[in-house]
Amino acid sequence: MTNRITVGCESAAVAAVFLAAAGVLHGQTPAENGAFVAGRVGINIAAEPTLGDGSSFGAGGSFGLFFAPSWALELEAWVPAYVEAEYGSYRSLLFGVSARRHFGSHRVRPYLLVGGAVSKDDNITPAGHSGGGNLSAQVGGGFHVALGGRLAVEPEVRLNYMPMMAILRPTVAIVWSLPRR
């Protein structure tokens, strides 16, 4: 129960920072060059009723393609470290696809995303090693902050929800816009 309260407080703090930054930061319009690649690091906060709740470090990467001025399609892979929980260790490797909707035309642009992911689960318990997989809904949001040229940073939060499990992922990504051909 304590972990769920902590996760809620951490989530609220991250959301408050994102919302406060939206009203303060603005400037030039970032160039949308058609495609982008991103590397991200962050926290993997998992709520898993069988093995227990916990958190770990995670890293991932993504490739995105703008198909309209404010819309992009993104493919993502997320690899967390094992969560050490009460009844063993576990992690869920996530491979997702999302539609992203960017808002505004300033240097700092908020965005929302919605999509789905498939997980490859890896569980280590006293009874042995097991695995499996699930489909999850994925929602999230963040801010695209242009740093100049083709480089940007994106603080964001994603939530993957599947039957009997949820994963909250506050992350920071470095984004490189690919040159348009």
C-alpha atoms as a PDB file:
ATOM      1  CA  MET A   1       0.000   0.000   0.000  1.00  0.00           C
ATOM      2  CA  THR A   2       2.862   2.404   0.809  1.00  0.00           C
ATOM      3  CA  ASN A   3       4.356   1.970  -2.680  1.00  0.00           C
ATOM      4  CA  ARG A   4       1.055   2.930  -4.319  1.00  0.00           C
ATOM      5  CA  ILE A   5       0.863   6.119  -2.246  1.00  0.00           C
ATOM      6  CA  THR A   6       4.487   6.950  -3.126  1.00  0.00           C
ATOM      7  CA  VAL A   7       3.811   6.319  -6.826  1.00  0.00           C
ATOM      8  CA  GLY A   8       0.809   8.660  -6.645  1.00  0.00           C
ATOM      9  CA  CYS A   9       2.835  11.439  -4.998  1.00  0.00           C
ATOM     10  CA  GLU A  10       5.716  11.034  -7.485  1.00  0.00           C
ATOM     11  CA  SER A  11       3.276  11.122 -10.403  1.00  0.00           C
ATOM     12  CA  ALA A  12       1.549  14.239  -9.100  1.00  0.00           C
ATOM     13  CA  ALA A  13       4.902  16.015  -8.635  1.00  0.00           C
ATOM     14  CA  VAL A  14       6.060  15.182 -12.182  1.00  0.00           C
ATOM     15  CA  ALA A  15       2.718  16.313 -13.655  1.00  0.00           C
ATOM     16  CA  ALA A  16       2.855  19.594 -11.685  1.00  0.00           C
ATOM     17  CA  VAL A  17       6.347  20.372 -13.028  1.00  0.00           C
ATOM     18  CA  PHE A  18       5.220  19.684 -16.613  1.00  0.00           C
ATOM     19  CA  LEU A  19       2.098  21.835 -16.274  1.00  0.00           C
ATOM     20  CA  ALA A  20       4.004  24.708 -14.648  1.00  0.00           C
ATOM     21  CA  ALA A  21       6.626  24.663 -17.414  1.00  0.00           C
ATOM     22  CA  ALA A  22       3.975  24.883 -20.151  1.00  0.00           C
ATOM     23  CA  GLY A  23       2.847  28.355 -19.127  1.00  0.00           C
ATOM     24  CA  VAL A  24       6.318  29.757 -18.481  1.00  0.00           C
ATOM     25  CA  LEU A  25       8.444  28.538 -21.382  1.00  0.00           C
ATOM     26  CA  HIS A  26       7.824  29.627 -24.945  1.00  0.00           C
ATOM     27  CA  GLY A  27       9.796  31.054 -27.872  1.00  0.00           C
ATOM     28  CA  GLN A  28      10.609  30.137 -31.450  1.00  0.00           C
ATOM     29  CA  THR A  29       8.833  27.452 -33.470  1.00  0.00           C
ATOM     30  CA  PRO A  30      10.739  24.150 -33.669  1.00  0.00           C
ATOM     31  CA  ALA A  31      11.275  22.708 -37.123  1.00  0.00           C
ATOM     32  CA  GLU A  32       9.331  19.556 -37.808  1.00  0.00           C
ATOM     33  CA  ASN A  33      11.625  17.789 -40.230  1.00  0.00           C
ATOM     34  CA  GLY A  34       9.400  14.861 -40.994  1.00  0.00           C
ATOM     35  CA  ALA A  35      11.184  12.238 -38.866  1.00  0.00           C
ATOM     36  CA  PHE A  36      13.007  11.976 -35.546  1.00  0.00           C
ATOM     37  CA  VAL A  37      14.939   9.535 -33.375  1.00  0.00           C
ATOM     38  CA  ALA A  38      15.074   9.692 -29.590  1.00  0.00           C
ATOM     39  CA  GLY A  39      16.901   8.053 -26.720  1.00  0.00           C
ATOM     40  CA  ARG A  40      15.270   8.168 -23.312  1.00  0.00           C
ATOM     41  CA  VAL A  41      16.045   7.317 -19.689  1.00  0.00           C
ATOM     42  CA  GLY A  42      13.765   7.307 -16.688  1.00  0.00           C
ATOM     43  CA  ILE A  43      11.997   5.426 -13.957  1.00  0.00           C
ATOM     44  CA  ASN A  44       9.863   2.320 -14.442  1.00  0.00           C
ATOM     45  CA  ILE A  45       7.193   2.281 -11.711  1.00  0.00           C
ATOM     46  CA  ALA A  46       5.251  -0.983 -11.810  1.00  0.00           C
ATOM     47  CA  ALA A  47       2.113  -2.037  -9.966  1.00  0.00           C
ATOM     48  CA  GLU A  48       1.926  -5.841 -10.184  1.00  0.00           C
ATOM     49  CA  PRO A  49      -0.431  -7.602  -7.730  1.00  0.00           C
ATOM     50  CA  THR A  50       1.154 -11.082  -7.899  1.00  0.00           C
ATOM     51  CA  LEU A  51       4.840 -10.218  -7.412  1.00  0.00           C
ATOM     52  CA  GLY A  52       4.391  -6.849  -5.712  1.00  0.00           C
ATOM     53  CA  ASP A  53       4.835  -3.178  -6.597  1.00  0.00           C
ATOM     54  CA  GLY A  54       8.217  -1.606  -7.250  1.00  0.00           C
ATOM     55  CA  SER A  55      10.367   0.629  -9.401  1.00  0.00           C
ATOM     56  CA  SER A  56      13.586   0.471 -11.388  1.00  0.00           C
ATOM     57  CA  PHE A  57      15.686   2.438 -13.864  1.00  0.00           C
ATOM     58  CA  GLY A  58      14.821   2.099 -17.554  1.00  0.00           C
ATOM     59  CA  ALA A  59      16.091   3.172 -20.966  1.00  0.00           C
ATOM     60  CA  GLY A  60      14.698   3.077 -24.471  1.00  0.00           C
ATOM     61  CA  GLY A  61      14.613   4.506 -27.915  1.00  0.00           C
ATOM     62  CA  SER A  62      12.083   5.553 -30.504  1.00  0.00           C
ATOM     63  CA  PHE A  63      11.645   6.524 -34.124  1.00  0.00           C
ATOM     64  CA  GLY A  64       8.897   8.882 -35.205  1.00  0.00           C
ATOM     65  CA  LEU A  65       7.489  10.192 -38.449  1.00  0.00           C
ATOM     66  CA  PHE A  66       5.303  13.297 -38.821  1.00  0.00           C
ATOM     67  CA  PHE A  67       2.422  12.561 -41.175  1.00  0.00           C
ATOM     68  CA  ALA A  68       0.748  15.978 -40.675  1.00  0.00           C
ATOM     69  CA  PRO A  69       2.000  19.296 -39.222  1.00  0.00           C
ATOM     70  CA  SER A  70       0.958  18.420 -35.642  1.00  0.00           C
ATOM     71  CA  TRP A  71       0.662  14.606 -35.820  1.00  0.00           C
ATOM     72  CA  ALA A  72       3.393  11.980 -35.615  1.00  0.00           C
ATOM     73  CA  LEU A  73       3.475   8.187 -35.529  1.00  0.00           C
ATOM     74  CA  GLU A  74       6.075   6.819 -33.085  1.00  0.00           C
ATOM     75  CA  LEU A  75       7.602   3.351 -32.642  1.00  0.00           C
ATOM     76  CA  GLU A  76       9.217   2.769 -29.244  1.00  0.00           C
ATOM     77  CA  ALA A  77      11.213   0.141 -27.353  1.00  0.00           C
ATOM     78  CA  TRP A  78      11.615   0.339 -23.527  1.00  0.00           C
ATOM     79  CA  VAL A  79      13.991  -1.849 -21.511  1.00  0.00           C
ATOM     80  CA  PRO A  80      13.726  -1.511 -17.730  1.00  0.00           C
ATOM     81  CA  ALA A  81      15.969  -3.057 -15.104  1.00  0.00           C
ATOM     82  CA  TYR A  82      14.404  -5.758 -12.946  1.00  0.00           C
ATOM     83  CA  VAL A  83      11.971  -4.607 -10.267  1.00  0.00           C
ATOM     84  CA  GLU A  84      12.884  -6.203  -6.949  1.00  0.00           C
ATOM     85  CA  ALA A  85       9.560  -7.002  -5.328  1.00  0.00           C
ATOM     86  CA  GLU A  86       8.289  -8.923  -2.315  1.00  0.00           C
ATOM     87  CA  TYR A  87       7.826 -12.224  -4.157  1.00  0.00           C
ATOM     88  CA  GLY A  88      10.661 -12.030  -6.699  1.00  0.00           C
ATOM     89  CA  SER A  89      12.081  -9.939  -9.533  1.00  0.00           C
ATOM     90  CA  TYR A  90      10.351  -9.025 -12.754  1.00  0.00           C
ATOM     91  CA  ARG A  91      10.416  -6.694 -15.726  1.00  0.00           C
ATOM     92  CA  SER A  92       8.322  -6.022 -18.805  1.00  0.00           C
ATOM     93  CA  LEU A  93      10.131  -5.122 -22.008  1.00  0.00           C
ATOM     94  CA  LEU A  94       7.763  -2.869 -23.960  1.00  0.00           C
ATOM     95  CA  PHE A  95       7.471  -2.424 -27.729  1.00  0.00           C
ATOM     96  CA  GLY A  96       4.878   0.171 -28.678  1.00  0.00           C
ATOM     97  CA  VAL A  97       3.333   2.300 -31.379  1.00  0.00           C
ATOM     98  CA  SER A  98       1.657   5.632 -30.617  1.00  0.00           C
ATOM     99  CA  ALA A  99       0.067   8.596 -32.331  1.00  0.00           C
ATOM    100  CA  ARG A 100       1.378  11.900 -30.956  1.00  0.00           C
ATOM    101  CA  ARG A 101      -0.496  15.199 -31.192  1.00  0.00           C
ATOM    102  CA  HIS A 102       1.612  18.335 -30.714  1.00  0.00           C
ATOM    103  CA  PHE A 103       0.011  21.636 -29.685  1.00  0.00           C
ATOM    104  CA  GLY A 104       1.159  25.207 -30.229  1.00  0.00           C
ATOM    105  CA  SER A 105       4.002  26.618 -32.282  1.00  0.00           C
ATOM    106  CA  HIS A 106       6.465  27.833 -29.680  1.00  0.00           C
ATOM    107  CA  ARG A 107       9.884  26.607 -28.636  1.00  0.00           C
ATOM    108  CA  VAL A 108       8.143  24.535 -25.947  1.00  0.00           C
ATOM    109  CA  ARG A 109       5.284  22.452 -27.361  1.00  0.00           C
ATOM    110  CA  PRO A 110       3.111  20.185 -25.212  1.00  0.00           C
ATOM    111  CA  TYR A 111       1.963  16.906 -26.706  1.00  0.00           C
ATOM    112  CA  LEU A 112      -0.316  13.992 -25.895  1.00  0.00           C
ATOM    113  CA  LEU A 113       0.077  10.443 -27.118  1.00  0.00           C
ATOM    114  CA  VAL A 114      -2.131   7.383 -27.333  1.00  0.00           C
ATOM    115  CA  GLY A 115      -1.369   3.922 -28.625  1.00  0.00           C
ATOM    116  CA  GLY A 116      -0.627   0.385 -27.642  1.00  0.00           C
ATOM    117  CA  ALA A 117       2.289  -1.816 -26.710  1.00  0.00           C
ATOM    118  CA  VAL A 118       3.160  -5.449 -26.419  1.00  0.00           C
ATOM    119  CA  SER A 119       5.221  -6.584 -23.446  1.00  0.00           C
ATOM    120  CA  LYS A 120       7.671  -9.430 -23.069  1.00  0.00           C
ATOM    121  CA  ASP A 121       7.497 -10.319 -19.387  1.00  0.00           C
ATOM    122  CA  ASP A 122      10.381 -11.863 -17.488  1.00  0.00           C
ATOM    123  CA  ASN A 123       9.713 -13.106 -13.922  1.00  0.00           C
ATOM    124  CA  ILE A 124      12.177 -14.612 -11.470  1.00  0.00           C
ATOM    125  CA  THR A 125      10.640 -16.130  -8.321  1.00  0.00           C
ATOM    126  CA  PRO A 126      11.713 -18.777  -5.799  1.00  0.00           C
ATOM    127  CA  ALA A 127       9.608 -21.214  -7.866  1.00  0.00           C
ATOM    128  CA  GLY A 128      11.715 -20.526 -10.972  1.00  0.00           C
ATOM    129  CA  HIS A 129      11.940 -18.432 -14.092  1.00  0.00           C
ATOM    130  CA  SER A 130       8.839 -17.660 -16.163  1.00  0.00           C
ATOM    131  CA  GLY A 131       7.792 -15.331 -18.937  1.00  0.00           C
ATOM    132  CA  GLY A 132       4.912 -14.337 -21.068  1.00  0.00           C
ATOM    133  CA  GLY A 133       3.480 -11.321 -22.744  1.00  0.00           C
ATOM    134  CA  ASN A 134       0.599  -8.895 -22.672  1.00  0.00           C
ATOM    135  CA  LEU A 135      -0.983  -6.212 -24.771  1.00  0.00           C
ATOM    136  CA  SER A 136      -1.333  -2.829 -23.121  1.00  0.00           C
ATOM    137  CA  ALA A 137      -2.962   0.489 -23.802  1.00  0.00           C
ATOM    138  CA  GLN A 138      -0.489   3.363 -23.749  1.00  0.00           C
ATOM    139  CA  VAL A 139      -1.272   7.011 -22.956  1.00  0.00           C
ATOM    140  CA  GLY A 140       0.962   9.889 -22.029  1.00  0.00           C
ATOM    141  CA  GLY A 141       2.093  13.413 -22.521  1.00  0.00           C
ATOM    142  CA  GLY A 142       5.075  15.669 -22.358  1.00  0.00           C
ATOM    143  CA  PHE A 143       6.819  18.711 -23.735  1.00  0.00           C
ATOM    144  CA  HIS A 144       8.969  19.019 -26.844  1.00  0.00           C
ATOM    145  CA  VAL A 145      11.584  21.668 -25.941  1.00  0.00           C
ATOM    146  CA  ALA A 146      13.655  22.832 -28.932  1.00  0.00           C
ATOM    147  CA  LEU A 147      17.271  23.432 -27.962  1.00  0.00           C
ATOM    148  CA  GLY A 148      18.386  24.725 -31.349  1.00  0.00           C
ATOM    149  CA  GLY A 149      18.989  23.263 -34.764  1.00  0.00           C
ATOM    150  CA  ARG A 150      17.708  19.700 -34.861  1.00  0.00           C
ATOM    151  CA  LEU A 151      18.183  18.945 -31.147  1.00  0.00           C
ATOM    152  CA  ALA A 152      15.397  18.888 -28.552  1.00  0.00           C
ATOM    153  CA  VAL A 153      14.678  17.475 -25.109  1.00  0.00           C
ATOM    154  CA  GLU A 154      11.362  15.888 -24.112  1.00  0.00           C
ATOM    155  CA  PRO A 155      10.332  15.347 -20.487  1.00  0.00           C
ATOM    156  CA  GLU A 156       7.291  13.070 -20.533  1.00  0.00           C
ATOM    157  CA  VAL A 157       5.170  10.580 -18.639  1.00  0.00           C
ATOM    158  CA  ARG A 158       3.719   7.399 -20.191  1.00  0.00           C
ATOM    159  CA  LEU A 159       1.296   4.952 -18.636  1.00  0.00           C
ATOM    160  CA  ASN A 160       0.988   1.397 -19.925  1.00  0.00           C
ATOM    161  CA  TYR A 161      -2.103  -0.363 -18.605  1.00  0.00           C
ATOM    162  CA  MET A 162      -2.754  -4.066 -19.048  1.00  0.00           C
ATOM    163  CA  PRO A 163      -4.981  -6.515 -17.183  1.00  0.00           C
ATOM    164  CA  MET A 164      -3.726  -6.860 -13.605  1.00  0.00           C
ATOM    165  CA  MET A 165      -0.711  -4.558 -14.130  1.00  0.00           C
ATOM    166  CA  ALA A 166       0.184  -0.911 -14.774  1.00  0.00           C
ATOM    167  CA  ILE A 167       3.523   0.710 -15.560  1.00  0.00           C
ATOM    168  CA  LEU A 168       4.104   4.445 -15.089  1.00  0.00           C
ATOM    169  CA  ARG A 169       7.197   5.814 -16.881  1.00  0.00           C
ATOM    170  CA  PRO A 170       8.404   9.375 -16.212  1.00  0.00           C
ATOM    171  CA  THR A 171      11.319   9.896 -18.629  1.00  0.00           C
ATOM    172  CA  VAL A 172      13.528  12.456 -20.317  1.00  0.00           C
ATOM    173  CA  ALA A 173      14.444  12.011 -23.998  1.00  0.00           C
ATOM    174  CA  ILE A 174      17.056  13.594 -26.233  1.00  0.00           C
ATOM    175  CA  VAL A 175      15.503  13.998 -29.690  1.00  0.00           C
ATOM    176  CA  TRP A 176      17.300  14.463 -33.002  1.00  0.00           C
ATOM    177  CA  SER A 177      15.215  15.590 -35.998  1.00  0.00           C
ATOM    178  CA  LEU A 178      16.338  13.903 -39.202  1.00  0.00           C
ATOM    179  CA  PRO A 179      16.964  16.100 -42.244  1.00  0.00           C
ATOM    180  CA  ARG A 180      14.066  16.295 -44.679  1.00  0.00           C
ATOM    181  CA  ARG A 181      14.704  14.854 -48.159  1.00  0.00           C
END
